[in-house]
PDB file of N, CA and C in Angstrom:
ATOM      1  N   MET A   1      -6.301  -2.188  30.718  1.00  0.00           N
ATOM      2  CA  MET A   1      -6.565  -1.375  29.673  1.00  0.00           C
ATOM      3  C   MET A   1      -6.394  -0.095  29.597  1.00  0.00           C
ATOM      4  N   ARG A   2      -6.342   0.507  30.910  1.00  0.00           N
ATOM      5  CA  ARG A   2      -5.990   1.572  31.780  1.00  0.00           C
ATOM      6  C   ARG A   2      -4.681   1.877  31.130  1.00  0.00           C
ATOM      7  N   LYS A   3      -3.538   1.203  31.478  1.00  0.00           N
ATOM      8  CA  LYS A   3      -2.276   1.409  31.260  1.00  0.00           C
ATOM      9  C   LYS A   3      -2.373   1.681  29.465  1.00  0.00           C
ATOM     10  N   LEU A   4      -2.761   0.949  28.899  1.00  0.00           N
ATOM     11  CA  LEU A   4      -2.958   0.427  27.457  1.00  0.00           C
ATOM     12  C   LEU A   4      -3.428   2.351  26.650  1.00  0.00           C
ATOM     13  N   LYS A   5      -4.282   2.708  27.277  1.00  0.00           N
ATOM     14  CA  LYS A   5      -5.137   3.960  26.924  1.00  0.00           C
ATOM     15  C   LYS A   5      -3.820   5.164  27.644  1.00  0.00           C
ATOM     16  N   GLN A   6      -2.961   4.712  28.164  1.00  0.00           N
ATOM     17  CA  GLN A   6      -2.245   5.528  28.596  1.00  0.00           C
ATOM     18  C   GLN A   6      -1.145   5.998  27.880  1.00  0.00           C
ATOM     19  N   ALA A   7      -0.101   4.769  28.029  1.00  0.00           N
ATOM     20  CA  ALA A   7       1.013   4.521  26.835  1.00  0.00           C
ATOM     21  C   ALA A   7       0.428   5.136  25.277  1.00  0.00           C
ATOM     22  N   MET A   8      -0.611   4.575  25.084  1.00  0.00           N
ATOM     23  CA  MET A   8      -1.196   5.352  23.849  1.00  0.00           C
ATOM     24  C   MET A   8      -1.035   6.927  23.591  1.00  0.00           C
ATOM     25  N   GLU A   9      -1.816   7.358  24.695  1.00  0.00           N
ATOM     26  CA  GLU A   9      -1.770   9.099  24.975  1.00  0.00           C
ATOM     27  C   GLU A   9      -0.039   9.663  25.138  1.00  0.00           C
ATOM     28  N   GLU A  10       0.506   8.910  25.855  1.00  0.00           N
ATOM     29  CA  GLU A  10       2.076   9.677  25.694  1.00  0.00           C
ATOM     30  C   GLU A  10       2.321   9.574  24.901  1.00  0.00           C
ATOM     31  N   ALA A  11       2.397   8.418  23.533  1.00  0.00           N
ATOM     32  CA  ALA A  11       3.353   8.421  22.380  1.00  0.00           C
ATOM     33  C   ALA A  11       2.258   9.077  21.364  1.00  0.00           C
ATOM     34  N   ARG A  12       1.396   9.528  21.359  1.00  0.00           N
ATOM     35  CA  ARG A  12       0.633  10.523  21.115  1.00  0.00           C
ATOM     36  C   ARG A  12       1.159  11.764  20.741  1.00  0.00           C
ATOM     37  N   HIS A  13       1.314  12.025  21.833  1.00  0.00           N
ATOM     38  CA  HIS A  13       2.138  13.441  22.256  1.00  0.00           C
ATOM     39  C   HIS A  13       3.335  13.732  22.548  1.00  0.00           C
ATOM     40  N   ASP A  14       3.851  12.335  21.674  1.00  0.00           N
ATOM     41  CA  ASP A  14       5.645  11.932  21.624  1.00  0.00           C
ATOM     42  C   ASP A  14       5.935  12.541  20.066  1.00  0.00           C
ATOM     43  N   ASP A  15       6.904  13.484  19.733  1.00  0.00           N
ATOM     44  CA  ASP A  15       6.806  13.823  18.034  1.00  0.00           C
ATOM     45  C   ASP A  15       7.722  13.001  17.613  1.00  0.00           C
ATOM     46  N   ASN A  16       8.491  12.242  18.429  1.00  0.00           N
ATOM     47  CA  ASN A  16       9.616  11.160  17.882  1.00  0.00           C
ATOM     48  C   ASN A  16       8.932   9.862  17.860  1.00  0.00           C
ATOM     49  N   SER A  17       8.144   9.775  18.421  1.00  0.00           N
ATOM     50  CA  SER A  17       7.185   8.265  18.548  1.00  0.00           C
ATOM     51  C   SER A  17       6.737   7.855  16.902  1.00  0.00           C
ATOM     52  N   GLU A  18       7.404   6.510  16.619  1.00  0.00           N
ATOM     53  CA  GLU A  18       6.044   6.452  15.656  1.00  0.00           C
ATOM     54  C   GLU A  18       5.120   5.978  16.039  1.00  0.00           C
ATOM     55  N   LEU A  19       4.988   5.350  16.818  1.00  0.00           N
ATOM     56  CA  LEU A  19       3.433   5.378  17.190  1.00  0.00           C
ATOM     57  C   LEU A  19       2.146   6.205  17.414  1.00  0.00           C
ATOM     58  N   GLY A  20       3.245   6.997  18.212  1.00  0.00           N
ATOM     59  CA  GLY A  20       2.328   8.741  17.840  1.00  0.00           C
ATOM     60  C   GLY A  20       1.997   9.497  16.699  1.00  0.00           C
ATOM     61  N   ALA A  21       3.040   8.729  15.591  1.00  0.00           N
ATOM     62  CA  ALA A  21       2.774   9.368  14.651  1.00  0.00           C
ATOM     63  C   ALA A  21       1.817   8.681  13.302  1.00  0.00           C
ATOM     64  N   GLU A  22       1.349   7.826  13.982  1.00  0.00           N
ATOM     65  CA  GLU A  22       0.097   6.654  13.437  1.00  0.00           C
ATOM     66  C   GLU A  22      -0.627   7.191  14.000  1.00  0.00           C
ATOM     67  N   LEU A  23      -1.050   7.063  15.669  1.00  0.00           N
ATOM     68  CA  LEU A  23      -2.077   7.455  16.304  1.00  0.00           C
ATOM     69  C   LEU A  23      -2.560   8.886  15.670  1.00  0.00           C
ATOM     70  N   ARG A  24      -1.629  10.040  15.666  1.00  0.00           N
ATOM     71  CA  ARG A  24      -2.110  11.516  15.143  1.00  0.00           C
ATOM     72  C   ARG A  24      -2.567  11.395  13.865  1.00  0.00           C
ATOM     73  N   GLU A  25      -2.020  10.406  12.880  1.00  0.00           N
ATOM     74  CA  GLU A  25      -2.409  10.900  11.676  1.00  0.00           C
ATOM     75  C   GLU A  25      -3.964   9.706  11.785  1.00  0.00           C
ATOM     76  N   MET A  26      -4.194   8.752  12.464  1.00  0.00           N
ATOM     77  CA  MET A  26      -5.321   7.968  12.496  1.00  0.00           C
ATOM     78  C   MET A  26      -6.275   9.009  13.388  1.00  0.00           C
ATOM     79  N   ASP A  27      -6.037  10.235  14.092  1.00  0.00           N
ATOM     80  CA  ASP A  27      -7.198  11.112  14.675  1.00  0.00           C
ATOM     81  C   ASP A  27      -7.463  12.070  13.379  1.00  0.00           C
ATOM     82  N   GLU A  28      -6.463  12.095  12.632  1.00  0.00           N
ATOM     83  CA  GLU A  28      -6.655  13.584  11.611  1.00  0.00           C
ATOM     84  C   GLU A  28      -7.774  12.895  10.559  1.00  0.00           C
ATOM     85  N   LEU A  29      -7.497  11.498  10.316  1.00  0.00           N
ATOM     86  CA  LEU A  29      -8.566  11.050   9.340  1.00  0.00           C
ATOM     87  C   LEU A  29      -9.784  10.557  10.124  1.00  0.00           C
ATOM     88  N   ASN A  30     -10.131  10.176  11.569  1.00  0.00           N
ATOM     89  CA  ASN A  30     -11.102  10.070  11.826  1.00  0.00           C
ATOM     90  C   ASN A  30     -12.053  11.687  11.905  1.00  0.00           C
ATOM     91  N   GLU A  31     -11.371  12.295  12.186  1.00  0.00           N
ATOM     92  CA  GLU A  31     -12.141  14.050  12.216  1.00  0.00           C
ATOM     93  C   GLU A  31     -12.592  14.451  10.971  1.00  0.00           C
ATOM     94  N   ARG A  32     -11.766  13.838   9.569  1.00  0.00           N
ATOM     95  CA  ARG A  32     -12.231  13.943   8.085  1.00  0.00           C
ATOM     96  C   ARG A  32     -13.271  13.100   7.770  1.00  0.00           C
ATOM     97  N   LEU A  33     -13.372  12.177   8.240  1.00  0.00           N
ATOM     98  CA  LEU A  33     -14.675  11.138   8.036  1.00  0.00           C
ATOM     99  C   LEU A  33     -15.714  11.661   9.257  1.00  0.00           C
ATOM    100  N   THR A  34     -15.270  12.125  10.039  1.00  0.00           N
ATOM    101  CA  THR A  34     -16.333  12.842  10.995  1.00  0.00           C
ATOM    102  C   THR A  34     -17.185  13.953  10.127  1.00  0.00           C
ATOM    103  N   LYS A  35     -16.457  15.095   9.903  1.00  0.00           N
ATOM    104  CA  LYS A  35     -17.170  16.165   8.878  1.00  0.00           C
ATOM    105  C   LYS A  35     -17.795  15.483   7.890  1.00  0.00           C
ATOM    106  N   ILE A  36     -17.158  14.321   6.567  1.00  0.00           N
ATOM    107  CA  ILE A  36     -17.718  14.155   5.856  1.00  0.00           C
ATOM    108  C   ILE A  36     -19.375  13.432   6.558  1.00  0.00           C
ATOM    109  N   GLY A  37     -19.222  12.747   7.378  1.00  0.00           N
ATOM    110  CA  GLY A  37     -20.303  11.976   7.806  1.00  0.00           C
ATOM    111  C   GLY A  37     -21.487  13.128   8.102  1.00  0.00           C
ATOM    112  N   ASP A  38     -20.909  14.038   8.936  1.00  0.00           N
ATOM    113  CA  ASP A  38     -21.819  14.816   9.377  1.00  0.00           C
ATOM    114  C   ASP A  38     -22.476  16.283   8.025  1.00  0.00           C
ATOM    115  N   ALA A  39     -21.479  16.115   6.841  1.00  0.00           N
ATOM    116  CA  ALA A  39     -21.850  17.318   5.779  1.00  0.00           C
ATOM    117  C   ALA A  39     -23.261  16.181   5.184  1.00  0.00           C
ATOM    118  N   MET A  40     -22.572  14.594   4.911  1.00  0.00           N
ATOM    119  CA  MET A  40     -23.689  14.042   4.592  1.00  0.00           C
ATOM    120  C   MET A  40     -24.985  13.681   4.959  1.00  0.00           C
ATOM    121  N   ALA A  41     -25.206  14.186   6.798  1.00  0.00           N
ATOM    122  CA  ALA A  41     -26.145  13.813   7.127  1.00  0.00           C
ATOM    123  C   ALA A  41     -27.086  14.784   6.900  1.00  0.00           C
ATOM    124  N   GLY A  42     -26.386  16.260   6.842  1.00  0.00           N
ATOM    125  CA  GLY A  42     -27.066  17.938   6.457  1.00  0.00           C
ATOM    126  C   GLY A  42     -27.505  17.637   4.800  1.00  0.00           C
ATOM    127  N   GLY A  43     -26.859  16.948   4.425  1.00  0.00           N
ATOM    128  CA  GLY A  43     -27.235  16.886   2.937  1.00  0.00           C
ATOM    129  C   GLY A  43     -28.266  16.080   3.053  1.00  0.00           C
ATOM    130  N   ILE A  44     -28.680  14.995   3.666  1.00  0.00           N
ATOM    131  CA  ILE A  44     -30.069  14.226   3.714  1.00  0.00           C
ATOM    132  C   ILE A  44     -31.005  14.775   4.490  1.00  0.00           C
ATOM    133  N   SER A  45     -30.820  15.359   5.597  1.00  0.00           N
ATOM    134  CA  SER A  45     -31.870  16.181   5.961  1.00  0.00           C
ATOM    135  C   SER A  45     -32.614  17.016   5.202  1.00  0.00           C
ATOM    136  N   ARG A  46     -31.676  17.992   4.448  1.00  0.00           N
ATOM    137  CA  ARG A  46     -32.390  18.684   3.529  1.00  0.00           C
ATOM    138  C   ARG A  46     -32.952  18.061   2.403  1.00  0.00           C
ATOM    139  N   CYS A  47     -31.892  17.391   1.854  1.00  0.00           N
ATOM    140  CA  CYS A  47     -33.123  16.787   0.798  1.00  0.00           C
ATOM    141  C   CYS A  47     -34.839  16.034   1.036  1.00  0.00           C
ATOM    142  N   SER A  48     -34.206  15.300   2.529  1.00  0.00           N
ATOM    143  CA  SER A  48     -35.690  14.871   2.820  1.00  0.00           C
ATOM    144  C   SER A  48     -36.884  16.262   3.001  1.00  0.00           C
ATOM    145  N   LYS A  49     -36.135  16.912   3.884  1.00  0.00           N
ATOM    146  CA  LYS A  49     -37.168  18.298   4.026  1.00  0.00           C
ATOM    147  C   LYS A  49     -37.559  18.731   2.280  1.00  0.00           C
ATOM    148  N   VAL A  50     -36.873  18.694   1.611  1.00  0.00           N
ATOM    149  CA  VAL A  50     -37.190  19.191   0.081  1.00  0.00           C
ATOM    150  C   VAL A  50     -38.749  18.178  -0.705  1.00  0.00           C
ATOM    151  N   CYS A  51     -38.228  16.458  -0.369  1.00  0.00           N
ATOM    152  CA  CYS A  51     -38.810  15.706  -0.771  1.00  0.00           C
ATOM    153  C   CYS A  51     -40.219  15.811  -0.192  1.00  0.00           C
ATOM    154  N   VAL A  52     -40.554  16.117   1.483  1.00  0.00           N
ATOM    155  CA  VAL A  52     -41.495  15.643   2.296  1.00  0.00           C
ATOM    156  C   VAL A  52     -42.452  17.413   1.465  1.00  0.00           C
ATOM    157  N   ARG A  53     -41.627  18.488   0.921  1.00  0.00           N
ATOM    158  CA  ARG A  53     -42.557  19.541   0.327  1.00  0.00           C
ATOM    159  C   ARG A  53     -43.318  19.213  -0.801  1.00  0.00           C
ATOM    160  N   LEU A  54     -42.208  18.192  -1.713  1.00  0.00           N
ATOM    161  CA  LEU A  54     -42.956  18.014  -2.953  1.00  0.00           C
ATOM    162  C   LEU A  54     -44.000  16.736  -2.798  1.00  0.00           C
ATOM    163  N   VAL A  55     -43.749  15.910  -1.776  1.00  0.00           N
ATOM    164  CA  VAL A  55     -44.941  15.208  -2.027  1.00  0.00           C
ATOM    165  C   VAL A  55     -45.988  15.358  -0.955  1.00  0.00           C
ATOM    166  N   GLY A  56     -45.671  16.013  -0.056  1.00  0.00           N
ATOM    167  CA  GLY A  56     -46.806  16.227   0.855  1.00  0.00           C
ATOM    168  C   GLY A  56     -47.971  17.200   0.355  1.00  0.00           C
TER     169      GLY A  56
END
């Protein structure tokens, strides 16, 4: 498993690697999804606080 992770990291940093390009694209998509999730969680938190004030 360690060797696989090492090979993936090496490919990720190799500009001529097709696998590296795919891994970098996956990293970018994961980062975008994380930002979306964080934004949604923040929105839900704010909404919950408003709902508590209204109902409370």
